[in-house]
N, C-alpha and C. Protein backbone atom coordinates (compact mmCIF):
# COMPACT_ATOMS: atom_id res chain seq x y z
N MET A 1 -14.47 -10.18 -0.99
CA MET A 1 -14.95 -9.56 0.23
C MET A 1 -15.09 -8.06 -0.04
N ASN A 2 -16.25 -7.50 0.28
CA ASN A 2 -16.43 -6.06 0.05
C ASN A 2 -15.79 -5.25 1.18
N THR A 3 -15.76 -3.95 0.99
CA THR A 3 -15.07 -3.06 1.92
C THR A 3 -15.65 -3.13 3.34
N ASP A 4 -16.97 -3.16 3.46
CA ASP A 4 -17.59 -3.23 4.78
C ASP A 4 -17.25 -4.54 5.49
N GLU A 5 -17.29 -5.65 4.77
CA GLU A 5 -16.94 -6.95 5.36
C GLU A 5 -15.48 -6.98 5.79
N LEU A 6 -14.61 -6.41 4.96
CA LEU A 6 -13.19 -6.36 5.30
C LEU A 6 -12.96 -5.53 6.56
N ARG A 7 -13.60 -4.37 6.61
CA ARG A 7 -13.46 -3.51 7.80
C ARG A 7 -13.95 -4.22 9.05
N GLN A 8 -15.09 -4.89 8.94
CA GLN A 8 -15.66 -5.61 10.09
C GLN A 8 -14.74 -6.74 10.55
N ARG A 9 -14.19 -7.46 9.60
CA ARG A 9 -13.29 -8.57 9.94
C ARG A 9 -12.03 -8.08 10.64
N ILE A 10 -11.45 -7.00 10.13
CA ILE A 10 -10.25 -6.44 10.77
C ILE A 10 -10.60 -5.93 12.17
N HIS A 11 -11.76 -5.30 12.29
CA HIS A 11 -12.21 -4.80 13.60
C HIS A 11 -12.36 -5.96 14.59
N GLU A 12 -12.91 -7.07 14.14
CA GLU A 12 -13.07 -8.25 15.01
C GLU A 12 -11.70 -8.79 15.44
N GLU A 13 -10.76 -8.83 14.51
CA GLU A 13 -9.43 -9.32 14.86
C GLU A 13 -8.74 -8.39 15.85
N LEU A 14 -8.98 -7.09 15.72
CA LEU A 14 -8.45 -6.16 16.71
C LEU A 14 -9.09 -6.38 18.08
N ALA A 15 -10.39 -6.65 18.09
CA ALA A 15 -11.09 -6.92 19.35
C ALA A 15 -10.54 -8.17 20.01
N ASN A 16 -10.08 -9.11 19.20
CA ASN A 16 -9.46 -10.34 19.73
C ASN A 16 -7.98 -10.16 20.02
N ARG A 17 -7.49 -8.94 19.92
CA ARG A 17 -6.09 -8.58 20.17
C ARG A 17 -5.12 -9.35 19.27
N ASP A 18 -5.50 -9.45 18.01
CA ASP A 18 -4.66 -10.14 17.03
C ASP A 18 -4.36 -9.20 15.88
N ALA A 19 -3.54 -8.18 16.16
CA ALA A 19 -3.23 -7.15 15.16
C ALA A 19 -2.48 -7.73 13.97
N HIS A 20 -1.63 -8.72 14.20
CA HIS A 20 -0.89 -9.30 13.08
C HIS A 20 -1.83 -10.04 12.12
N LYS A 21 -2.84 -10.71 12.66
CA LYS A 21 -3.85 -11.36 11.82
C LYS A 21 -4.66 -10.31 11.07
N ALA A 22 -4.93 -9.18 11.70
CA ALA A 22 -5.66 -8.09 11.05
C ALA A 22 -4.87 -7.55 9.86
N ILE A 23 -3.56 -7.41 10.03
CA ILE A 23 -2.70 -6.95 8.93
C ILE A 23 -2.72 -7.97 7.80
N GLU A 24 -2.63 -9.23 8.15
CA GLU A 24 -2.67 -10.29 7.14
C GLU A 24 -4.00 -10.27 6.38
N THR A 25 -5.09 -10.07 7.08
CA THR A 25 -6.41 -10.01 6.44
C THR A 25 -6.49 -8.82 5.48
N MET A 26 -6.00 -7.68 5.92
CA MET A 26 -6.01 -6.50 5.04
C MET A 26 -5.20 -6.77 3.78
N CYS A 27 -4.03 -7.34 3.93
CA CYS A 27 -3.16 -7.61 2.77
C CYS A 27 -3.74 -8.67 1.85
N GLU A 28 -4.51 -9.57 2.40
CA GLU A 28 -5.09 -10.64 1.60
C GLU A 28 -6.32 -10.19 0.82
N HIS A 29 -7.10 -9.27 1.37
CA HIS A 29 -8.39 -8.93 0.78
C HIS A 29 -8.51 -7.52 0.23
N GLY A 30 -7.56 -6.65 0.52
CA GLY A 30 -7.64 -5.28 0.00
C GLY A 30 -7.28 -5.23 -1.48
N SER A 31 -7.81 -4.22 -2.17
CA SER A 31 -7.44 -4.01 -3.57
C SER A 31 -6.06 -3.35 -3.62
N ALA A 32 -5.45 -3.34 -4.78
CA ALA A 32 -4.12 -2.74 -4.92
C ALA A 32 -4.12 -1.29 -4.46
N ARG A 33 -5.12 -0.53 -4.88
CA ARG A 33 -5.16 0.88 -4.47
C ARG A 33 -5.39 1.05 -2.98
N GLN A 34 -6.29 0.27 -2.42
CA GLN A 34 -6.51 0.34 -0.97
C GLN A 34 -5.21 0.04 -0.24
N LEU A 35 -4.50 -0.98 -0.68
CA LEU A 35 -3.29 -1.40 0.01
C LEU A 35 -2.18 -0.36 -0.10
N VAL A 36 -2.00 0.20 -1.28
CA VAL A 36 -0.94 1.22 -1.44
C VAL A 36 -1.27 2.45 -0.61
N TRP A 37 -2.52 2.87 -0.62
CA TRP A 37 -2.90 4.04 0.20
C TRP A 37 -2.69 3.74 1.68
N TRP A 38 -3.10 2.56 2.11
CA TRP A 38 -2.90 2.15 3.50
C TRP A 38 -1.42 2.13 3.83
N GLY A 39 -0.59 1.62 2.92
CA GLY A 39 0.86 1.63 3.14
C GLY A 39 1.40 3.04 3.32
N CYS A 40 0.90 3.98 2.50
CA CYS A 40 1.31 5.38 2.64
C CYS A 40 0.90 5.93 4.01
N LEU A 41 -0.33 5.65 4.42
CA LEU A 41 -0.82 6.14 5.71
C LEU A 41 0.00 5.55 6.86
N CYS A 42 0.33 4.28 6.77
CA CYS A 42 1.15 3.65 7.82
C CYS A 42 2.53 4.29 7.88
N ALA A 43 3.15 4.51 6.73
CA ALA A 43 4.48 5.12 6.69
C ALA A 43 4.44 6.53 7.25
N TRP A 44 3.43 7.30 6.85
CA TRP A 44 3.33 8.67 7.36
C TRP A 44 3.14 8.66 8.87
N SER A 45 2.42 7.67 9.41
CA SER A 45 2.21 7.62 10.86
C SER A 45 3.52 7.34 11.60
N ILE A 46 4.43 6.64 10.96
CA ILE A 46 5.74 6.34 11.57
C ILE A 46 6.68 7.54 11.45
N TRP A 47 6.67 8.17 10.27
CA TRP A 47 7.66 9.21 9.96
C TRP A 47 7.14 10.63 10.15
N ARG A 48 6.10 10.82 10.92
CA ARG A 48 5.61 12.18 11.08
C ARG A 48 6.53 12.98 11.97
N PRO A 49 6.62 14.26 11.84
CA PRO A 49 5.82 15.10 10.95
C PRO A 49 6.31 15.10 9.50
N LEU A 50 7.58 14.81 9.26
CA LEU A 50 8.08 14.79 7.89
C LEU A 50 8.91 13.54 7.66
N PRO A 51 8.58 12.78 6.61
CA PRO A 51 9.39 11.60 6.30
C PRO A 51 10.76 12.02 5.79
N PRO A 52 11.74 11.14 5.87
CA PRO A 52 13.03 11.44 5.25
C PRO A 52 12.83 11.75 3.77
N VAL A 53 13.71 12.53 3.18
CA VAL A 53 13.55 13.02 1.81
C VAL A 53 13.33 11.90 0.81
N ILE A 54 14.14 10.85 0.87
CA ILE A 54 13.99 9.74 -0.09
C ILE A 54 12.63 9.07 0.09
N GLU A 55 12.23 8.84 1.32
CA GLU A 55 10.94 8.22 1.58
C GLU A 55 9.80 9.13 1.13
N ASP A 56 9.96 10.43 1.35
CA ASP A 56 8.93 11.39 0.96
C ASP A 56 8.68 11.35 -0.55
N ALA A 57 9.75 11.28 -1.33
CA ALA A 57 9.61 11.21 -2.79
C ALA A 57 8.89 9.93 -3.20
N ALA A 58 9.25 8.81 -2.60
CA ALA A 58 8.61 7.54 -2.92
C ALA A 58 7.14 7.54 -2.51
N LEU A 59 6.84 8.09 -1.34
CA LEU A 59 5.45 8.18 -0.90
C LEU A 59 4.63 9.08 -1.83
N GLY A 60 5.27 10.13 -2.35
CA GLY A 60 4.60 11.00 -3.31
C GLY A 60 4.22 10.26 -4.58
N ILE A 61 5.13 9.45 -5.09
CA ILE A 61 4.85 8.67 -6.30
C ILE A 61 3.71 7.69 -6.05
N ALA A 62 3.78 6.99 -4.93
CA ALA A 62 2.74 6.00 -4.61
C ALA A 62 1.38 6.67 -4.41
N SER A 63 1.35 7.76 -3.70
CA SER A 63 0.06 8.42 -3.44
C SER A 63 -0.53 9.03 -4.72
N ARG A 64 0.32 9.54 -5.61
CA ARG A 64 -0.20 10.04 -6.90
C ARG A 64 -0.82 8.91 -7.71
N TRP A 65 -0.21 7.73 -7.67
CA TRP A 65 -0.79 6.59 -8.38
C TRP A 65 -2.16 6.24 -7.81
N VAL A 66 -2.30 6.28 -6.48
CA VAL A 66 -3.59 5.98 -5.86
C VAL A 66 -4.64 6.99 -6.30
N LEU A 67 -4.29 8.27 -6.30
CA LEU A 67 -5.26 9.31 -6.60
C LEU A 67 -5.57 9.46 -8.08
N VAL A 68 -4.57 9.25 -8.94
CA VAL A 68 -4.75 9.50 -10.37
C VAL A 68 -4.78 8.21 -11.18
N GLY A 69 -4.01 7.23 -10.76
CA GLY A 69 -3.91 5.98 -11.50
C GLY A 69 -3.08 6.16 -12.76
N GLY A 70 -3.10 5.19 -13.61
CA GLY A 70 -2.43 5.28 -14.89
C GLY A 70 -1.01 4.74 -14.89
N ASP A 71 -0.57 4.42 -16.09
CA ASP A 71 0.75 3.83 -16.26
C ASP A 71 1.88 4.82 -16.04
N ALA A 72 1.63 6.10 -16.22
CA ALA A 72 2.71 7.09 -16.03
C ALA A 72 3.25 7.01 -14.60
N HIS A 73 2.37 6.89 -13.64
CA HIS A 73 2.81 6.82 -12.24
C HIS A 73 3.42 5.46 -11.92
N ARG A 74 2.95 4.42 -12.59
CA ARG A 74 3.59 3.11 -12.41
C ARG A 74 5.02 3.15 -12.97
N ARG A 75 5.21 3.83 -14.11
CA ARG A 75 6.56 3.97 -14.66
C ARG A 75 7.43 4.82 -13.76
N ASP A 76 6.85 5.88 -13.16
CA ASP A 76 7.61 6.69 -12.20
C ASP A 76 8.10 5.82 -11.04
N ALA A 77 7.23 4.94 -10.56
CA ALA A 77 7.61 4.04 -9.47
C ALA A 77 8.73 3.11 -9.93
N SER A 78 8.62 2.60 -11.15
CA SER A 78 9.66 1.72 -11.69
C SER A 78 10.98 2.47 -11.84
N ASP A 79 10.93 3.69 -12.33
CA ASP A 79 12.15 4.50 -12.48
C ASP A 79 12.81 4.75 -11.12
N CYS A 80 12.00 5.03 -10.12
CA CYS A 80 12.53 5.27 -8.78
C CYS A 80 13.20 4.00 -8.24
N LEU A 81 12.61 2.85 -8.51
CA LEU A 81 13.21 1.59 -8.08
C LEU A 81 14.54 1.34 -8.78
N GLN A 82 14.62 1.69 -10.06
CA GLN A 82 15.85 1.49 -10.83
C GLN A 82 16.96 2.42 -10.36
N SER A 83 16.59 3.60 -9.85
CA SER A 83 17.59 4.60 -9.47
C SER A 83 18.15 4.38 -8.07
N GLU A 84 17.68 3.38 -7.37
CA GLU A 84 18.13 3.11 -6.00
C GLU A 84 17.74 4.23 -5.04
N ALA A 85 16.76 5.03 -5.42
CA ALA A 85 16.33 6.14 -4.56
C ALA A 85 15.04 5.81 -3.82
N ALA A 86 14.71 4.55 -3.70
CA ALA A 86 13.45 4.17 -3.08
C ALA A 86 13.51 4.09 -1.56
N GLY A 87 14.69 3.95 -1.01
CA GLY A 87 14.82 3.88 0.43
C GLY A 87 14.02 2.72 1.01
N HIS A 88 13.39 2.96 2.14
CA HIS A 88 12.59 1.94 2.82
C HIS A 88 11.27 1.68 2.09
N CYS A 89 10.93 2.54 1.14
CA CYS A 89 9.66 2.40 0.41
C CYS A 89 9.78 1.53 -0.83
N ARG A 90 10.88 0.80 -0.95
CA ARG A 90 11.10 -0.06 -2.12
C ARG A 90 9.93 -1.03 -2.33
N LEU A 91 9.45 -1.66 -1.28
CA LEU A 91 8.35 -2.61 -1.41
C LEU A 91 7.04 -1.91 -1.75
N LEU A 92 6.84 -0.72 -1.24
CA LEU A 92 5.64 0.06 -1.57
C LEU A 92 5.62 0.39 -3.06
N LEU A 93 6.75 0.87 -3.59
CA LEU A 93 6.83 1.19 -5.01
C LEU A 93 6.71 -0.07 -5.86
N SER A 94 7.24 -1.17 -5.39
CA SER A 94 7.09 -2.44 -6.11
C SER A 94 5.63 -2.85 -6.19
N ALA A 95 4.85 -2.55 -5.15
CA ALA A 95 3.41 -2.84 -5.19
C ALA A 95 2.72 -2.02 -6.28
N VAL A 96 3.14 -0.77 -6.44
CA VAL A 96 2.57 0.08 -7.50
C VAL A 96 2.92 -0.49 -8.87
N VAL A 97 4.20 -0.78 -9.09
CA VAL A 97 4.65 -1.30 -10.39
C VAL A 97 3.96 -2.61 -10.71
N ASN A 98 3.82 -3.47 -9.72
CA ASN A 98 3.26 -4.80 -9.92
C ASN A 98 1.80 -4.89 -9.51
N SER A 99 1.05 -3.83 -9.78
CA SER A 99 -0.37 -3.82 -9.42
C SER A 99 -1.23 -4.54 -10.44
N GLY A 100 -0.62 -5.05 -11.48
CA GLY A 100 -1.34 -5.87 -12.46
C GLY A 100 -1.58 -5.14 -13.76
N GLY A 101 -1.59 -5.88 -14.83
CA GLY A 101 -1.85 -5.32 -16.15
C GLY A 101 -0.58 -5.09 -16.94
N ARG A 102 -0.76 -4.59 -18.13
CA ARG A 102 0.38 -4.33 -19.01
C ARG A 102 0.98 -2.98 -18.68
N LEU A 103 2.30 -2.93 -18.72
CA LEU A 103 3.01 -1.69 -18.42
C LEU A 103 4.08 -1.48 -19.48
N LYS A 104 3.89 -0.48 -20.32
CA LYS A 104 4.87 -0.16 -21.36
C LYS A 104 5.92 0.74 -20.75
N MET A 105 7.17 0.29 -20.79
CA MET A 105 8.24 0.99 -20.09
C MET A 105 8.87 2.12 -20.89
N GLY A 106 8.83 2.08 -22.20
CA GLY A 106 9.43 3.14 -23.00
C GLY A 106 8.81 3.13 -24.39
N SER A 107 9.16 4.12 -25.19
CA SER A 107 8.56 4.22 -26.51
C SER A 107 8.95 3.06 -27.41
N GLU A 108 10.08 2.44 -27.13
CA GLU A 108 10.53 1.34 -27.99
C GLU A 108 10.44 -0.02 -27.31
N SER A 109 9.97 -0.07 -26.10
CA SER A 109 9.88 -1.36 -25.42
C SER A 109 8.48 -1.94 -25.57
N PHE A 110 8.38 -3.22 -25.35
CA PHE A 110 7.10 -3.90 -25.42
C PHE A 110 6.37 -3.75 -24.09
N ALA A 111 5.07 -3.80 -24.16
CA ALA A 111 4.28 -3.77 -22.94
C ALA A 111 4.45 -5.12 -22.24
N GLN A 112 4.89 -5.07 -21.01
CA GLN A 112 5.12 -6.29 -20.24
C GLN A 112 3.94 -6.53 -19.31
N PRO A 113 3.36 -7.72 -19.35
CA PRO A 113 2.28 -8.01 -18.40
C PRO A 113 2.87 -8.17 -17.00
N THR A 114 2.24 -7.59 -16.03
CA THR A 114 2.69 -7.76 -14.65
C THR A 114 1.54 -8.39 -13.87
N PRO A 115 1.83 -9.43 -13.13
CA PRO A 115 0.78 -10.00 -12.28
C PRO A 115 0.50 -9.05 -11.13
N ASP A 116 -0.65 -9.16 -10.51
CA ASP A 116 -0.96 -8.32 -9.36
C ASP A 116 -0.30 -8.92 -8.13
N LEU A 117 0.87 -8.39 -7.83
CA LEU A 117 1.62 -8.84 -6.66
C LEU A 117 1.58 -7.80 -5.54
N SER A 118 0.68 -6.84 -5.67
CA SER A 118 0.62 -5.75 -4.69
C SER A 118 0.38 -6.27 -3.28
N LYS A 119 -0.42 -7.30 -3.15
CA LYS A 119 -0.72 -7.84 -1.82
C LYS A 119 0.55 -8.33 -1.13
N ARG A 120 1.39 -9.04 -1.86
CA ARG A 120 2.63 -9.58 -1.28
C ARG A 120 3.61 -8.47 -0.94
N PHE A 121 3.74 -7.51 -1.86
CA PHE A 121 4.68 -6.41 -1.61
C PHE A 121 4.23 -5.57 -0.42
N LEU A 122 2.91 -5.30 -0.31
CA LEU A 122 2.42 -4.49 0.82
C LEU A 122 2.56 -5.22 2.13
N PHE A 123 2.36 -6.53 2.10
CA PHE A 123 2.56 -7.33 3.31
C PHE A 123 4.01 -7.16 3.80
N GLY A 124 4.95 -7.25 2.87
CA GLY A 124 6.36 -7.06 3.23
C GLY A 124 6.65 -5.65 3.70
N PHE A 125 6.07 -4.65 3.03
CA PHE A 125 6.32 -3.25 3.40
C PHE A 125 5.82 -2.96 4.81
N VAL A 126 4.59 -3.36 5.08
CA VAL A 126 4.00 -3.07 6.39
C VAL A 126 4.78 -3.81 7.48
N HIS A 127 5.17 -5.05 7.22
CA HIS A 127 5.94 -5.78 8.23
C HIS A 127 7.35 -5.21 8.41
N THR A 128 7.91 -4.63 7.37
CA THR A 128 9.20 -3.94 7.51
C THR A 128 9.05 -2.74 8.43
N LEU A 129 7.95 -1.99 8.26
CA LEU A 129 7.70 -0.85 9.14
C LEU A 129 7.47 -1.31 10.58
N VAL A 130 6.71 -2.38 10.75
CA VAL A 130 6.47 -2.92 12.10
C VAL A 130 7.79 -3.35 12.72
N GLY A 131 8.62 -4.05 11.96
CA GLY A 131 9.91 -4.52 12.47
C GLY A 131 10.85 -3.40 12.85
N SER A 132 10.74 -2.27 12.16
CA SER A 132 11.63 -1.14 12.46
C SER A 132 11.30 -0.49 13.79
N ALA A 133 10.16 -0.83 14.36
CA ALA A 133 9.75 -0.25 15.65
C ALA A 133 10.51 -0.85 16.82
N GLY A 134 11.21 -1.95 16.59
CA GLY A 134 11.91 -2.60 17.68
C GLY A 134 11.02 -3.62 18.36
N PRO A 135 11.62 -4.60 19.03
CA PRO A 135 10.84 -5.71 19.59
C PRO A 135 9.83 -5.30 20.66
N VAL A 136 10.09 -4.25 21.38
CA VAL A 136 9.18 -3.85 22.46
C VAL A 136 7.91 -3.21 21.91
N ARG A 137 8.02 -2.48 20.82
CA ARG A 137 6.88 -1.72 20.29
C ARG A 137 6.20 -2.37 19.09
N GLN A 138 6.63 -3.54 18.66
CA GLN A 138 6.09 -4.13 17.43
C GLN A 138 4.59 -4.36 17.49
N TYR A 139 4.08 -4.91 18.58
CA TYR A 139 2.64 -5.14 18.65
C TYR A 139 1.87 -3.82 18.66
N GLU A 140 2.39 -2.85 19.36
CA GLU A 140 1.74 -1.53 19.42
C GLU A 140 1.63 -0.92 18.01
N VAL A 141 2.69 -1.01 17.23
CA VAL A 141 2.70 -0.47 15.87
C VAL A 141 1.77 -1.28 14.97
N ALA A 142 1.80 -2.60 15.10
CA ALA A 142 0.90 -3.46 14.30
C ALA A 142 -0.55 -3.11 14.60
N ASP A 143 -0.87 -2.91 15.87
CA ASP A 143 -2.22 -2.53 16.28
C ASP A 143 -2.61 -1.18 15.67
N LYS A 144 -1.69 -0.24 15.69
CA LYS A 144 -1.93 1.08 15.11
C LYS A 144 -2.21 0.97 13.61
N PHE A 145 -1.43 0.16 12.90
CA PHE A 145 -1.62 -0.02 11.46
C PHE A 145 -2.97 -0.66 11.15
N ALA A 146 -3.38 -1.63 11.97
CA ALA A 146 -4.69 -2.26 11.77
C ALA A 146 -5.81 -1.25 12.02
N GLN A 147 -5.63 -0.40 13.03
CA GLN A 147 -6.63 0.64 13.29
C GLN A 147 -6.71 1.64 12.13
N ILE A 148 -5.55 1.96 11.54
CA ILE A 148 -5.53 2.84 10.38
C ILE A 148 -6.32 2.19 9.24
N ALA A 149 -6.16 0.88 9.06
CA ALA A 149 -6.91 0.17 8.01
C ALA A 149 -8.41 0.27 8.26
N VAL A 150 -8.84 0.07 9.49
CA VAL A 150 -10.27 0.16 9.81
C VAL A 150 -10.79 1.56 9.51
N GLN A 151 -10.07 2.58 9.93
CA GLN A 151 -10.50 3.96 9.69
C GLN A 151 -10.52 4.29 8.20
N MET A 152 -9.49 3.87 7.47
CA MET A 152 -9.43 4.13 6.04
C MET A 152 -10.59 3.46 5.33
N LEU A 153 -10.88 2.22 5.67
CA LEU A 153 -11.98 1.50 5.03
C LEU A 153 -13.33 2.10 5.40
N ALA A 154 -13.46 2.64 6.62
CA ALA A 154 -14.71 3.26 7.04
C ALA A 154 -14.99 4.53 6.25
N PHE A 155 -13.93 5.24 5.86
CA PHE A 155 -14.12 6.50 5.15
C PHE A 155 -14.09 6.35 3.64
N SER A 156 -13.77 5.16 3.13
CA SER A 156 -13.78 4.99 1.67
C SER A 156 -15.22 4.78 1.23
N ALA A 157 -15.54 5.39 0.12
CA ALA A 157 -16.92 5.32 -0.39
C ALA A 157 -17.24 3.89 -0.80
N PRO A 158 -18.44 3.42 -0.50
CA PRO A 158 -18.80 2.05 -0.83
C PRO A 158 -19.18 1.84 -2.30
N ASP A 159 -19.30 2.92 -3.08
CA ASP A 159 -19.72 2.74 -4.47
C ASP A 159 -18.54 2.34 -5.35
N PRO A 160 -18.83 1.72 -6.50
CA PRO A 160 -17.76 1.21 -7.36
C PRO A 160 -16.91 2.31 -8.01
N GLU A 161 -17.33 3.56 -7.93
CA GLU A 161 -16.56 4.65 -8.51
C GLU A 161 -15.51 5.19 -7.54
N SER A 162 -15.50 4.65 -6.32
CA SER A 162 -14.55 5.11 -5.32
C SER A 162 -13.12 4.88 -5.79
N VAL A 163 -12.26 5.85 -5.54
CA VAL A 163 -10.87 5.74 -5.95
C VAL A 163 -10.18 4.55 -5.29
N PHE A 164 -10.65 4.14 -4.12
CA PHE A 164 -10.01 3.04 -3.43
C PHE A 164 -10.48 1.69 -3.94
N LEU A 165 -11.58 1.66 -4.67
CA LEU A 165 -12.09 0.39 -5.15
C LEU A 165 -11.75 0.15 -6.61
N GLN A 166 -11.46 1.20 -7.36
CA GLN A 166 -11.09 1.02 -8.76
C GLN A 166 -9.65 0.56 -8.84
N GLU A 167 -9.36 -0.21 -9.83
CA GLU A 167 -7.98 -0.56 -10.09
C GLU A 167 -7.45 0.47 -11.08
N SER A 168 -6.14 0.59 -11.18
CA SER A 168 -5.55 1.60 -12.03
C SER A 168 -5.99 1.41 -13.47
N SER A 169 -6.14 2.53 -14.17
CA SER A 169 -6.49 2.44 -15.58
C SER A 169 -5.27 1.91 -16.32
N ARG A 170 -5.51 0.96 -17.16
CA ARG A 170 -4.39 0.30 -17.83
C ARG A 170 -4.42 0.59 -19.30
């Protein structure tokens, strides 16, 4: 599904007042980079104006991977996960690490193939954020996250060179 079709489908699900289905659609059809960026945007919308320090560091790692790509930022995400400093962004960083492809962890380690599990990790991350809103506000937050997805997809360039459509350089 291309970006315009994905945006239209999420928009239709929002019109049908099914924000949770819209989130599921985004997680099912978005690319790893689109999903990680969307996860960052959702987290920032919850934790504004400033996220907690641990979350801010994790969001920084994830957003640098989206903008620059490459294994160095995937290793940074892995290191942050190993250090227990990931906070609530553990699933977001796991999406970066497991975005697919080979990832060499150190100068003496072998490159380990990682399947693209970013969709599953982002689904968990976004639902963790929705759940943290409390039972009264969960639908409101889910709706907000789906609207963020629609806006993000509307502003992402439709060409294949777009940072949101490329997968990380491996």
